Amino acid sequence: DQAQAIAREASRRLGIPVDAHACR
């Protein structure tokens, strides 16, 4: 999932948690 991959890198750099399983 490209949106998930982008969000995970942004999360790592910003220190904001990412939840890829909250929504389906």
PDBML (XML) file of the C-alpha atoms, coordinates in Angstrom:
<?xml version="1.0" encoding="UTF-8" ?>
<PDBx:datablock datablockName="MODEL"
   xmlns:PDBx="http://pdbml.pdb.org/schema/pdbx-v50.xsd"
   xmlns:xsi="http://www.w3.org/2001/XMLSchema-instance"
   xsi:schemaLocation="http://pdbml.pdb.org/schema/pdbx-v50.xsd pdbx-v50.xsd">
   <PDBx:atom_siteCategory>
      <PDBx:atom_site id="1">
         <PDBx:B_iso_or_equiv>0.00</PDBx:B_iso_or_equiv>
         <PDBx:Cartn_x>0.000</PDBx:Cartn_x>
         <PDBx:Cartn_y>0.000</PDBx:Cartn_y>
         <PDBx:Cartn_z>0.000</PDBx:Cartn_z>
         <PDBx:auth_asym_id>A</PDBx:auth_asym_id>
         <PDBx:auth_atom_id>CA</PDBx:auth_atom_id>
         <PDBx:auth_comp_id>ASP</PDBx:auth_comp_id>
         <PDBx:auth_seq_id>1</PDBx:auth_seq_id>
         <PDBx:group_PDB>ATOM</PDBx:group_PDB>
         <PDBx:label_alt_id xsi:nil="true" />
         <PDBx:label_asym_id>A</PDBx:label_asym_id>
         <PDBx:label_atom_id>CA</PDBx:label_atom_id>
         <PDBx:label_comp_id>ASP</PDBx:label_comp_id>
         <PDBx:label_entity_id>1</PDBx:label_entity_id>
         <PDBx:label_seq_id>1</PDBx:label_seq_id>
         <PDBx:occupancy>1.00</PDBx:occupancy>
         <PDBx:pdbx_PDB_model_num>1</PDBx:pdbx_PDB_model_num>
         <PDBx:type_symbol>C</PDBx:type_symbol>
      </PDBx:atom_site>
      <PDBx:atom_site id="2">
         <PDBx:B_iso_or_equiv>0.00</PDBx:B_iso_or_equiv>
         <PDBx:Cartn_x>1.808</PDBx:Cartn_x>
         <PDBx:Cartn_y>3.133</PDBx:Cartn_y>
         <PDBx:Cartn_z>-1.209</PDBx:Cartn_z>
         <PDBx:auth_asym_id>A</PDBx:auth_asym_id>
         <PDBx:auth_atom_id>CA</PDBx:auth_atom_id>
         <PDBx:auth_comp_id>GLN</PDBx:auth_comp_id>
         <PDBx:auth_seq_id>2</PDBx:auth_seq_id>
         <PDBx:group_PDB>ATOM</PDBx:group_PDB>
         <PDBx:label_alt_id xsi:nil="true" />
         <PDBx:label_asym_id>A</PDBx:label_asym_id>
         <PDBx:label_atom_id>CA</PDBx:label_atom_id>
         <PDBx:label_comp_id>GLN</PDBx:label_comp_id>
         <PDBx:label_entity_id>1</PDBx:label_entity_id>
         <PDBx:label_seq_id>2</PDBx:label_seq_id>
         <PDBx:occupancy>1.00</PDBx:occupancy>
         <PDBx:pdbx_PDB_model_num>1</PDBx:pdbx_PDB_model_num>
         <PDBx:type_symbol>C</PDBx:type_symbol>
      </PDBx:atom_site>
      <PDBx:atom_site id="3">
         <PDBx:B_iso_or_equiv>0.00</PDBx:B_iso_or_equiv>
         <PDBx:Cartn_x>-0.089</PDBx:Cartn_x>
         <PDBx:Cartn_y>5.475</PDBx:Cartn_y>
         <PDBx:Cartn_z>1.152</PDBx:Cartn_z>
         <PDBx:auth_asym_id>A</PDBx:auth_asym_id>
         <PDBx:auth_atom_id>CA</PDBx:auth_atom_id>
         <PDBx:auth_comp_id>ALA</PDBx:auth_comp_id>
         <PDBx:auth_seq_id>3</PDBx:auth_seq_id>
         <PDBx:group_PDB>ATOM</PDBx:group_PDB>
         <PDBx:label_alt_id xsi:nil="true" />
         <PDBx:label_asym_id>A</PDBx:label_asym_id>
         <PDBx:label_atom_id>CA</PDBx:label_atom_id>
         <PDBx:label_comp_id>ALA</PDBx:label_comp_id>
         <PDBx:label_entity_id>1</PDBx:label_entity_id>
         <PDBx:label_seq_id>3</PDBx:label_seq_id>
         <PDBx:occupancy>1.00</PDBx:occupancy>
         <PDBx:pdbx_PDB_model_num>1</PDBx:pdbx_PDB_model_num>
         <PDBx:type_symbol>C</PDBx:type_symbol>
      </PDBx:atom_site>
      <PDBx:atom_site id="4">
         <PDBx:B_iso_or_equiv>0.00</PDBx:B_iso_or_equiv>
         <PDBx:Cartn_x>0.903</PDBx:Cartn_x>
         <PDBx:Cartn_y>3.283</PDBx:Cartn_y>
         <PDBx:Cartn_z>4.077</PDBx:Cartn_z>
         <PDBx:auth_asym_id>A</PDBx:auth_asym_id>
         <PDBx:auth_atom_id>CA</PDBx:auth_atom_id>
         <PDBx:auth_comp_id>GLN</PDBx:auth_comp_id>
         <PDBx:auth_seq_id>4</PDBx:auth_seq_id>
         <PDBx:group_PDB>ATOM</PDBx:group_PDB>
         <PDBx:label_alt_id xsi:nil="true" />
         <PDBx:label_asym_id>A</PDBx:label_asym_id>
         <PDBx:label_atom_id>CA</PDBx:label_atom_id>
         <PDBx:label_comp_id>GLN</PDBx:label_comp_id>
         <PDBx:label_entity_id>1</PDBx:label_entity_id>
         <PDBx:label_seq_id>4</PDBx:label_seq_id>
         <PDBx:occupancy>1.00</PDBx:occupancy>
         <PDBx:pdbx_PDB_model_num>1</PDBx:pdbx_PDB_model_num>
         <PDBx:type_symbol>C</PDBx:type_symbol>
      </PDBx:atom_site>
      <PDBx:atom_site id="5">
         <PDBx:B_iso_or_equiv>0.00</PDBx:B_iso_or_equiv>
         <PDBx:Cartn_x>4.550</PDBx:Cartn_x>
         <PDBx:Cartn_y>3.284</PDBx:Cartn_y>
         <PDBx:Cartn_z>2.982</PDBx:Cartn_z>
         <PDBx:auth_asym_id>A</PDBx:auth_asym_id>
         <PDBx:auth_atom_id>CA</PDBx:auth_atom_id>
         <PDBx:auth_comp_id>ALA</PDBx:auth_comp_id>
         <PDBx:auth_seq_id>5</PDBx:auth_seq_id>
         <PDBx:group_PDB>ATOM</PDBx:group_PDB>
         <PDBx:label_alt_id xsi:nil="true" />
         <PDBx:label_asym_id>A</PDBx:label_asym_id>
         <PDBx:label_atom_id>CA</PDBx:label_atom_id>
         <PDBx:label_comp_id>ALA</PDBx:label_comp_id>
         <PDBx:label_entity_id>1</PDBx:label_entity_id>
         <PDBx:label_seq_id>5</PDBx:label_seq_id>
         <PDBx:occupancy>1.00</PDBx:occupancy>
         <PDBx:pdbx_PDB_model_num>1</PDBx:pdbx_PDB_model_num>
         <PDBx:type_symbol>C</PDBx:type_symbol>
      </PDBx:atom_site>
      <PDBx:atom_site id="6">
         <PDBx:B_iso_or_equiv>0.00</PDBx:B_iso_or_equiv>
         <PDBx:Cartn_x>4.573</PDBx:Cartn_x>
         <PDBx:Cartn_y>7.099</PDBx:Cartn_y>
         <PDBx:Cartn_z>2.669</PDBx:Cartn_z>
         <PDBx:auth_asym_id>A</PDBx:auth_asym_id>
         <PDBx:auth_atom_id>CA</PDBx:auth_atom_id>
         <PDBx:auth_comp_id>ILE</PDBx:auth_comp_id>
         <PDBx:auth_seq_id>6</PDBx:auth_seq_id>
         <PDBx:group_PDB>ATOM</PDBx:group_PDB>
         <PDBx:label_alt_id xsi:nil="true" />
         <PDBx:label_asym_id>A</PDBx:label_asym_id>
         <PDBx:label_atom_id>CA</PDBx:label_atom_id>
         <PDBx:label_comp_id>ILE</PDBx:label_comp_id>
         <PDBx:label_entity_id>1</PDBx:label_entity_id>
         <PDBx:label_seq_id>6</PDBx:label_seq_id>
         <PDBx:occupancy>1.00</PDBx:occupancy>
         <PDBx:pdbx_PDB_model_num>1</PDBx:pdbx_PDB_model_num>
         <PDBx:type_symbol>C</PDBx:type_symbol>
      </PDBx:atom_site>
      <PDBx:atom_site id="7">
         <PDBx:B_iso_or_equiv>0.00</PDBx:B_iso_or_equiv>
         <PDBx:Cartn_x>2.864</PDBx:Cartn_x>
         <PDBx:Cartn_y>7.489</PDBx:Cartn_y>
         <PDBx:Cartn_z>6.048</PDBx:Cartn_z>
         <PDBx:auth_asym_id>A</PDBx:auth_asym_id>
         <PDBx:auth_atom_id>CA</PDBx:auth_atom_id>
         <PDBx:auth_comp_id>ALA</PDBx:auth_comp_id>
         <PDBx:auth_seq_id>7</PDBx:auth_seq_id>
         <PDBx:group_PDB>ATOM</PDBx:group_PDB>
         <PDBx:label_alt_id xsi:nil="true" />
         <PDBx:label_asym_id>A</PDBx:label_asym_id>
         <PDBx:label_atom_id>CA</PDBx:label_atom_id>
         <PDBx:label_comp_id>ALA</PDBx:label_comp_id>
         <PDBx:label_entity_id>1</PDBx:label_entity_id>
         <PDBx:label_seq_id>7</PDBx:label_seq_id>
         <PDBx:occupancy>1.00</PDBx:occupancy>
         <PDBx:pdbx_PDB_model_num>1</PDBx:pdbx_PDB_model_num>
         <PDBx:type_symbol>C</PDBx:type_symbol>
      </PDBx:atom_site>
      <PDBx:atom_site id="8">
         <PDBx:B_iso_or_equiv>0.00</PDBx:B_iso_or_equiv>
         <PDBx:Cartn_x>5.360</PDBx:Cartn_x>
         <PDBx:Cartn_y>5.194</PDBx:Cartn_y>
         <PDBx:Cartn_z>7.777</PDBx:Cartn_z>
         <PDBx:auth_asym_id>A</PDBx:auth_asym_id>
         <PDBx:auth_atom_id>CA</PDBx:auth_atom_id>
         <PDBx:auth_comp_id>ARG</PDBx:auth_comp_id>
         <PDBx:auth_seq_id>8</PDBx:auth_seq_id>
         <PDBx:group_PDB>ATOM</PDBx:group_PDB>
         <PDBx:label_alt_id xsi:nil="true" />
         <PDBx:label_asym_id>A</PDBx:label_asym_id>
         <PDBx:label_atom_id>CA</PDBx:label_atom_id>
         <PDBx:label_comp_id>ARG</PDBx:label_comp_id>
         <PDBx:label_entity_id>1</PDBx:label_entity_id>
         <PDBx:label_seq_id>8</PDBx:label_seq_id>
         <PDBx:occupancy>1.00</PDBx:occupancy>
         <PDBx:pdbx_PDB_model_num>1</PDBx:pdbx_PDB_model_num>
         <PDBx:type_symbol>C</PDBx:type_symbol>
      </PDBx:atom_site>
      <PDBx:atom_site id="9">
         <PDBx:B_iso_or_equiv>0.00</PDBx:B_iso_or_equiv>
         <PDBx:Cartn_x>8.338</PDBx:Cartn_x>
         <PDBx:Cartn_y>7.230</PDBx:Cartn_y>
         <PDBx:Cartn_z>6.540</PDBx:Cartn_z>
         <PDBx:auth_asym_id>A</PDBx:auth_asym_id>
         <PDBx:auth_atom_id>CA</PDBx:auth_atom_id>
         <PDBx:auth_comp_id>GLU</PDBx:auth_comp_id>
         <PDBx:auth_seq_id>9</PDBx:auth_seq_id>
         <PDBx:group_PDB>ATOM</PDBx:group_PDB>
         <PDBx:label_alt_id xsi:nil="true" />
         <PDBx:label_asym_id>A</PDBx:label_asym_id>
         <PDBx:label_atom_id>CA</PDBx:label_atom_id>
         <PDBx:label_comp_id>GLU</PDBx:label_comp_id>
         <PDBx:label_entity_id>1</PDBx:label_entity_id>
         <PDBx:label_seq_id>9</PDBx:label_seq_id>
         <PDBx:occupancy>1.00</PDBx:occupancy>
         <PDBx:pdbx_PDB_model_num>1</PDBx:pdbx_PDB_model_num>
         <PDBx:type_symbol>C</PDBx:type_symbol>
      </PDBx:atom_site>
      <PDBx:atom_site id="10">
         <PDBx:B_iso_or_equiv>0.00</PDBx:B_iso_or_equiv>
         <PDBx:Cartn_x>6.641</PDBx:Cartn_x>
         <PDBx:Cartn_y>10.504</PDBx:Cartn_y>
         <PDBx:Cartn_z>7.494</PDBx:Cartn_z>
         <PDBx:auth_asym_id>A</PDBx:auth_asym_id>
         <PDBx:auth_atom_id>CA</PDBx:auth_atom_id>
         <PDBx:auth_comp_id>ALA</PDBx:auth_comp_id>
         <PDBx:auth_seq_id>10</PDBx:auth_seq_id>
         <PDBx:group_PDB>ATOM</PDBx:group_PDB>
         <PDBx:label_alt_id xsi:nil="true" />
         <PDBx:label_asym_id>A</PDBx:label_asym_id>
         <PDBx:label_atom_id>CA</PDBx:label_atom_id>
         <PDBx:label_comp_id>ALA</PDBx:label_comp_id>
         <PDBx:label_entity_id>1</PDBx:label_entity_id>
         <PDBx:label_seq_id>10</PDBx:label_seq_id>
         <PDBx:occupancy>1.00</PDBx:occupancy>
         <PDBx:pdbx_PDB_model_num>1</PDBx:pdbx_PDB_model_num>
         <PDBx:type_symbol>C</PDBx:type_symbol>
      </PDBx:atom_site>
      <PDBx:atom_site id="11">
         <PDBx:B_iso_or_equiv>0.00</PDBx:B_iso_or_equiv>
         <PDBx:Cartn_x>5.832</PDBx:Cartn_x>
         <PDBx:Cartn_y>9.011</PDBx:Cartn_y>
         <PDBx:Cartn_z>10.904</PDBx:Cartn_z>
         <PDBx:auth_asym_id>A</PDBx:auth_asym_id>
         <PDBx:auth_atom_id>CA</PDBx:auth_atom_id>
         <PDBx:auth_comp_id>SER</PDBx:auth_comp_id>
         <PDBx:auth_seq_id>11</PDBx:auth_seq_id>
         <PDBx:group_PDB>ATOM</PDBx:group_PDB>
         <PDBx:label_alt_id xsi:nil="true" />
         <PDBx:label_asym_id>A</PDBx:label_asym_id>
         <PDBx:label_atom_id>CA</PDBx:label_atom_id>
         <PDBx:label_comp_id>SER</PDBx:label_comp_id>
         <PDBx:label_entity_id>1</PDBx:label_entity_id>
         <PDBx:label_seq_id>11</PDBx:label_seq_id>
         <PDBx:occupancy>1.00</PDBx:occupancy>
         <PDBx:pdbx_PDB_model_num>1</PDBx:pdbx_PDB_model_num>
         <PDBx:type_symbol>C</PDBx:type_symbol>
      </PDBx:atom_site>
      <PDBx:atom_site id="12">
         <PDBx:B_iso_or_equiv>0.00</PDBx:B_iso_or_equiv>
         <PDBx:Cartn_x>9.452</PDBx:Cartn_x>
         <PDBx:Cartn_y>8.022</PDBx:Cartn_y>
         <PDBx:Cartn_z>11.449</PDBx:Cartn_z>
         <PDBx:auth_asym_id>A</PDBx:auth_asym_id>
         <PDBx:auth_atom_id>CA</PDBx:auth_atom_id>
         <PDBx:auth_comp_id>ARG</PDBx:auth_comp_id>
         <PDBx:auth_seq_id>12</PDBx:auth_seq_id>
         <PDBx:group_PDB>ATOM</PDBx:group_PDB>
         <PDBx:label_alt_id xsi:nil="true" />
         <PDBx:label_asym_id>A</PDBx:label_asym_id>
         <PDBx:label_atom_id>CA</PDBx:label_atom_id>
         <PDBx:label_comp_id>ARG</PDBx:label_comp_id>
         <PDBx:label_entity_id>1</PDBx:label_entity_id>
         <PDBx:label_seq_id>12</PDBx:label_seq_id>
         <PDBx:occupancy>1.00</PDBx:occupancy>
         <PDBx:pdbx_PDB_model_num>1</PDBx:pdbx_PDB_model_num>
         <PDBx:type_symbol>C</PDBx:type_symbol>
      </PDBx:atom_site>
      <PDBx:atom_site id="13">
         <PDBx:B_iso_or_equiv>0.00</PDBx:B_iso_or_equiv>
         <PDBx:Cartn_x>10.702</PDBx:Cartn_x>
         <PDBx:Cartn_y>11.501</PDBx:Cartn_y>
         <PDBx:Cartn_z>10.608</PDBx:Cartn_z>
         <PDBx:auth_asym_id>A</PDBx:auth_asym_id>
         <PDBx:auth_atom_id>CA</PDBx:auth_atom_id>
         <PDBx:auth_comp_id>ARG</PDBx:auth_comp_id>
         <PDBx:auth_seq_id>13</PDBx:auth_seq_id>
         <PDBx:group_PDB>ATOM</PDBx:group_PDB>
         <PDBx:label_alt_id xsi:nil="true" />
         <PDBx:label_asym_id>A</PDBx:label_asym_id>
         <PDBx:label_atom_id>CA</PDBx:label_atom_id>
         <PDBx:label_comp_id>ARG</PDBx:label_comp_id>
         <PDBx:label_entity_id>1</PDBx:label_entity_id>
         <PDBx:label_seq_id>13</PDBx:label_seq_id>
         <PDBx:occupancy>1.00</PDBx:occupancy>
         <PDBx:pdbx_PDB_model_num>1</PDBx:pdbx_PDB_model_num>
         <PDBx:type_symbol>C</PDBx:type_symbol>
      </PDBx:atom_site>
      <PDBx:atom_site id="14">
         <PDBx:B_iso_or_equiv>0.00</PDBx:B_iso_or_equiv>
         <PDBx:Cartn_x>8.036</PDBx:Cartn_x>
         <PDBx:Cartn_y>13.460</PDBx:Cartn_y>
         <PDBx:Cartn_z>12.485</PDBx:Cartn_z>
         <PDBx:auth_asym_id>A</PDBx:auth_asym_id>
         <PDBx:auth_atom_id>CA</PDBx:auth_atom_id>
         <PDBx:auth_comp_id>LEU</PDBx:auth_comp_id>
         <PDBx:auth_seq_id>14</PDBx:auth_seq_id>
         <PDBx:group_PDB>ATOM</PDBx:group_PDB>
         <PDBx:label_alt_id xsi:nil="true" />
         <PDBx:label_asym_id>A</PDBx:label_asym_id>
         <PDBx:label_atom_id>CA</PDBx:label_atom_id>
         <PDBx:label_comp_id>LEU</PDBx:label_comp_id>
         <PDBx:label_entity_id>1</PDBx:label_entity_id>
         <PDBx:label_seq_id>14</PDBx:label_seq_id>
         <PDBx:occupancy>1.00</PDBx:occupancy>
         <PDBx:pdbx_PDB_model_num>1</PDBx:pdbx_PDB_model_num>
         <PDBx:type_symbol>C</PDBx:type_symbol>
      </PDBx:atom_site>
      <PDBx:atom_site id="15">
         <PDBx:B_iso_or_equiv>0.00</PDBx:B_iso_or_equiv>
         <PDBx:Cartn_x>7.655</PDBx:Cartn_x>
         <PDBx:Cartn_y>11.230</PDBx:Cartn_y>
         <PDBx:Cartn_z>15.522</PDBx:Cartn_z>
         <PDBx:auth_asym_id>A</PDBx:auth_asym_id>
         <PDBx:auth_atom_id>CA</PDBx:auth_atom_id>
         <PDBx:auth_comp_id>GLY</PDBx:auth_comp_id>
         <PDBx:auth_seq_id>15</PDBx:auth_seq_id>
         <PDBx:group_PDB>ATOM</PDBx:group_PDB>
         <PDBx:label_alt_id xsi:nil="true" />
         <PDBx:label_asym_id>A</PDBx:label_asym_id>
         <PDBx:label_atom_id>CA</PDBx:label_atom_id>
         <PDBx:label_comp_id>GLY</PDBx:label_comp_id>
         <PDBx:label_entity_id>1</PDBx:label_entity_id>
         <PDBx:label_seq_id>15</PDBx:label_seq_id>
         <PDBx:occupancy>1.00</PDBx:occupancy>
         <PDBx:pdbx_PDB_model_num>1</PDBx:pdbx_PDB_model_num>
         <PDBx:type_symbol>C</PDBx:type_symbol>
      </PDBx:atom_site>
      <PDBx:atom_site id="16">
         <PDBx:B_iso_or_equiv>0.00</PDBx:B_iso_or_equiv>
         <PDBx:Cartn_x>3.890</PDBx:Cartn_x>
         <PDBx:Cartn_y>10.964</PDBx:Cartn_y>
         <PDBx:Cartn_z>15.009</PDBx:Cartn_z>
         <PDBx:auth_asym_id>A</PDBx:auth_asym_id>
         <PDBx:auth_atom_id>CA</PDBx:auth_atom_id>
         <PDBx:auth_comp_id>ILE</PDBx:auth_comp_id>
         <PDBx:auth_seq_id>16</PDBx:auth_seq_id>
         <PDBx:group_PDB>ATOM</PDBx:group_PDB>
         <PDBx:label_alt_id xsi:nil="true" />
         <PDBx:label_asym_id>A</PDBx:label_asym_id>
         <PDBx:label_atom_id>CA</PDBx:label_atom_id>
         <PDBx:label_comp_id>ILE</PDBx:label_comp_id>
         <PDBx:label_entity_id>1</PDBx:label_entity_id>
         <PDBx:label_seq_id>16</PDBx:label_seq_id>
         <PDBx:occupancy>1.00</PDBx:occupancy>
         <PDBx:pdbx_PDB_model_num>1</PDBx:pdbx_PDB_model_num>
         <PDBx:type_symbol>C</PDBx:type_symbol>
      </PDBx:atom_site>
      <PDBx:atom_site id="17">
         <PDBx:B_iso_or_equiv>0.00</PDBx:B_iso_or_equiv>
         <PDBx:Cartn_x>2.442</PDBx:Cartn_x>
         <PDBx:Cartn_y>7.437</PDBx:Cartn_y>
         <PDBx:Cartn_z>15.403</PDBx:Cartn_z>
         <PDBx:auth_asym_id>A</PDBx:auth_asym_id>
         <PDBx:auth_atom_id>CA</PDBx:auth_atom_id>
         <PDBx:auth_comp_id>PRO</PDBx:auth_comp_id>
         <PDBx:auth_seq_id>17</PDBx:auth_seq_id>
         <PDBx:group_PDB>ATOM</PDBx:group_PDB>
         <PDBx:label_alt_id xsi:nil="true" />
         <PDBx:label_asym_id>A</PDBx:label_asym_id>
         <PDBx:label_atom_id>CA</PDBx:label_atom_id>
         <PDBx:label_comp_id>PRO</PDBx:label_comp_id>
         <PDBx:label_entity_id>1</PDBx:label_entity_id>
         <PDBx:label_seq_id>17</PDBx:label_seq_id>
         <PDBx:occupancy>1.00</PDBx:occupancy>
         <PDBx:pdbx_PDB_model_num>1</PDBx:pdbx_PDB_model_num>
         <PDBx:type_symbol>C</PDBx:type_symbol>
      </PDBx:atom_site>
      <PDBx:atom_site id="18">
         <PDBx:B_iso_or_equiv>0.00</PDBx:B_iso_or_equiv>
         <PDBx:Cartn_x>0.889</PDBx:Cartn_x>
         <PDBx:Cartn_y>5.798</PDBx:Cartn_y>
         <PDBx:Cartn_z>12.351</PDBx:Cartn_z>
         <PDBx:auth_asym_id>A</PDBx:auth_asym_id>
         <PDBx:auth_atom_id>CA</PDBx:auth_atom_id>
         <PDBx:auth_comp_id>VAL</PDBx:auth_comp_id>
         <PDBx:auth_seq_id>18</PDBx:auth_seq_id>
         <PDBx:group_PDB>ATOM</PDBx:group_PDB>
         <PDBx:label_alt_id xsi:nil="true" />
         <PDBx:label_asym_id>A</PDBx:label_asym_id>
         <PDBx:label_atom_id>CA</PDBx:label_atom_id>
         <PDBx:label_comp_id>VAL</PDBx:label_comp_id>
         <PDBx:label_entity_id>1</PDBx:label_entity_id>
         <PDBx:label_seq_id>18</PDBx:label_seq_id>
         <PDBx:occupancy>1.00</PDBx:occupancy>
         <PDBx:pdbx_PDB_model_num>1</PDBx:pdbx_PDB_model_num>
         <PDBx:type_symbol>C</PDBx:type_symbol>
      </PDBx:atom_site>
      <PDBx:atom_site id="19">
         <PDBx:B_iso_or_equiv>0.00</PDBx:B_iso_or_equiv>
         <PDBx:Cartn_x>-1.995</PDBx:Cartn_x>
         <PDBx:Cartn_y>3.299</PDBx:Cartn_y>
         <PDBx:Cartn_z>12.543</PDBx:Cartn_z>
         <PDBx:auth_asym_id>A</PDBx:auth_asym_id>
         <PDBx:auth_atom_id>CA</PDBx:auth_atom_id>
         <PDBx:auth_comp_id>ASP</PDBx:auth_comp_id>
         <PDBx:auth_seq_id>19</PDBx:auth_seq_id>
         <PDBx:group_PDB>ATOM</PDBx:group_PDB>
         <PDBx:label_alt_id xsi:nil="true" />
         <PDBx:label_asym_id>A</PDBx:label_asym_id>
         <PDBx:label_atom_id>CA</PDBx:label_atom_id>
         <PDBx:label_comp_id>ASP</PDBx:label_comp_id>
         <PDBx:label_entity_id>1</PDBx:label_entity_id>
         <PDBx:label_seq_id>19</PDBx:label_seq_id>
         <PDBx:occupancy>1.00</PDBx:occupancy>
         <PDBx:pdbx_PDB_model_num>1</PDBx:pdbx_PDB_model_num>
         <PDBx:type_symbol>C</PDBx:type_symbol>
      </PDBx:atom_site>
      <PDBx:atom_site id="20">
         <PDBx:B_iso_or_equiv>0.00</PDBx:B_iso_or_equiv>
         <PDBx:Cartn_x>-2.402</PDBx:Cartn_x>
         <PDBx:Cartn_y>1.354</PDBx:Cartn_y>
         <PDBx:Cartn_z>9.320</PDBx:Cartn_z>
         <PDBx:auth_asym_id>A</PDBx:auth_asym_id>
         <PDBx:auth_atom_id>CA</PDBx:auth_atom_id>
         <PDBx:auth_comp_id>ALA</PDBx:auth_comp_id>
         <PDBx:auth_seq_id>20</PDBx:auth_seq_id>
         <PDBx:group_PDB>ATOM</PDBx:group_PDB>
         <PDBx:label_alt_id xsi:nil="true" />
         <PDBx:label_asym_id>A</PDBx:label_asym_id>
         <PDBx:label_atom_id>CA</PDBx:label_atom_id>
         <PDBx:label_comp_id>ALA</PDBx:label_comp_id>
         <PDBx:label_entity_id>1</PDBx:label_entity_id>
         <PDBx:label_seq_id>20</PDBx:label_seq_id>
         <PDBx:occupancy>1.00</PDBx:occupancy>
         <PDBx:pdbx_PDB_model_num>1</PDBx:pdbx_PDB_model_num>
         <PDBx:type_symbol>C</PDBx:type_symbol>
      </PDBx:atom_site>
      <PDBx:atom_site id="21">
         <PDBx:B_iso_or_equiv>0.00</PDBx:B_iso_or_equiv>
         <PDBx:Cartn_x>-5.045</PDBx:Cartn_x>
         <PDBx:Cartn_y>-0.951</PDBx:Cartn_y>
         <PDBx:Cartn_z>10.806</PDBx:Cartn_z>
         <PDBx:auth_asym_id>A</PDBx:auth_asym_id>
         <PDBx:auth_atom_id>CA</PDBx:auth_atom_id>
         <PDBx:auth_comp_id>HIS</PDBx:auth_comp_id>
         <PDBx:auth_seq_id>21</PDBx:auth_seq_id>
         <PDBx:group_PDB>ATOM</PDBx:group_PDB>
         <PDBx:label_alt_id xsi:nil="true" />
         <PDBx:label_asym_id>A</PDBx:label_asym_id>
         <PDBx:label_atom_id>CA</PDBx:label_atom_id>
         <PDBx:label_comp_id>HIS</PDBx:label_comp_id>
         <PDBx:label_entity_id>1</PDBx:label_entity_id>
         <PDBx:label_seq_id>21</PDBx:label_seq_id>
         <PDBx:occupancy>1.00</PDBx:occupancy>
         <PDBx:pdbx_PDB_model_num>1</PDBx:pdbx_PDB_model_num>
         <PDBx:type_symbol>C</PDBx:type_symbol>
      </PDBx:atom_site>
      <PDBx:atom_site id="22">
         <PDBx:B_iso_or_equiv>0.00</PDBx:B_iso_or_equiv>
         <PDBx:Cartn_x>-7.497</PDBx:Cartn_x>
         <PDBx:Cartn_y>1.541</PDBx:Cartn_y>
         <PDBx:Cartn_z>12.278</PDBx:Cartn_z>
         <PDBx:auth_asym_id>A</PDBx:auth_asym_id>
         <PDBx:auth_atom_id>CA</PDBx:auth_atom_id>
         <PDBx:auth_comp_id>ALA</PDBx:auth_comp_id>
         <PDBx:auth_seq_id>22</PDBx:auth_seq_id>
         <PDBx:group_PDB>ATOM</PDBx:group_PDB>
         <PDBx:label_alt_id xsi:nil="true" />
         <PDBx:label_asym_id>A</PDBx:label_asym_id>
         <PDBx:label_atom_id>CA</PDBx:label_atom_id>
         <PDBx:label_comp_id>ALA</PDBx:label_comp_id>
         <PDBx:label_entity_id>1</PDBx:label_entity_id>
         <PDBx:label_seq_id>22</PDBx:label_seq_id>
         <PDBx:occupancy>1.00</PDBx:occupancy>
         <PDBx:pdbx_PDB_model_num>1</PDBx:pdbx_PDB_model_num>
         <PDBx:type_symbol>C</PDBx:type_symbol>
      </PDBx:atom_site>
      <PDBx:atom_site id="23">
         <PDBx:B_iso_or_equiv>0.00</PDBx:B_iso_or_equiv>
         <PDBx:Cartn_x>-9.503</PDBx:Cartn_x>
         <PDBx:Cartn_y>1.749</PDBx:Cartn_y>
         <PDBx:Cartn_z>9.047</PDBx:Cartn_z>
         <PDBx:auth_asym_id>A</PDBx:auth_asym_id>
         <PDBx:auth_atom_id>CA</PDBx:auth_atom_id>
         <PDBx:auth_comp_id>CYS</PDBx:auth_comp_id>
         <PDBx:auth_seq_id>23</PDBx:auth_seq_id>
         <PDBx:group_PDB>ATOM</PDBx:group_PDB>
         <PDBx:label_alt_id xsi:nil="true" />
         <PDBx:label_asym_id>A</PDBx:label_asym_id>
         <PDBx:label_atom_id>CA</PDBx:label_atom_id>
         <PDBx:label_comp_id>CYS</PDBx:label_comp_id>
         <PDBx:label_entity_id>1</PDBx:label_entity_id>
         <PDBx:label_seq_id>23</PDBx:label_seq_id>
         <PDBx:occupancy>1.00</PDBx:occupancy>
         <PDBx:pdbx_PDB_model_num>1</PDBx:pdbx_PDB_model_num>
         <PDBx:type_symbol>C</PDBx:type_symbol>
      </PDBx:atom_site>
      <PDBx:atom_site id="24">
         <PDBx:B_iso_or_equiv>0.00</PDBx:B_iso_or_equiv>
         <PDBx:Cartn_x>-10.383</PDBx:Cartn_x>
         <PDBx:Cartn_y>-0.704</PDBx:Cartn_y>
         <PDBx:Cartn_z>6.333</PDBx:Cartn_z>
         <PDBx:auth_asym_id>A</PDBx:auth_asym_id>
         <PDBx:auth_atom_id>CA</PDBx:auth_atom_id>
         <PDBx:auth_comp_id>ARG</PDBx:auth_comp_id>
         <PDBx:auth_seq_id>24</PDBx:auth_seq_id>
         <PDBx:group_PDB>ATOM</PDBx:group_PDB>
         <PDBx:label_alt_id xsi:nil="true" />
         <PDBx:label_asym_id>A</PDBx:label_asym_id>
         <PDBx:label_atom_id>CA</PDBx:label_atom_id>
         <PDBx:label_comp_id>ARG</PDBx:label_comp_id>
         <PDBx:label_entity_id>1</PDBx:label_entity_id>
         <PDBx:label_seq_id>24</PDBx:label_seq_id>
         <PDBx:occupancy>1.00</PDBx:occupancy>
         <PDBx:pdbx_PDB_model_num>1</PDBx:pdbx_PDB_model_num>
         <PDBx:type_symbol>C</PDBx:type_symbol>
      </PDBx:atom_site>
   </PDBx:atom_siteCategory>
</PDBx:datablock>
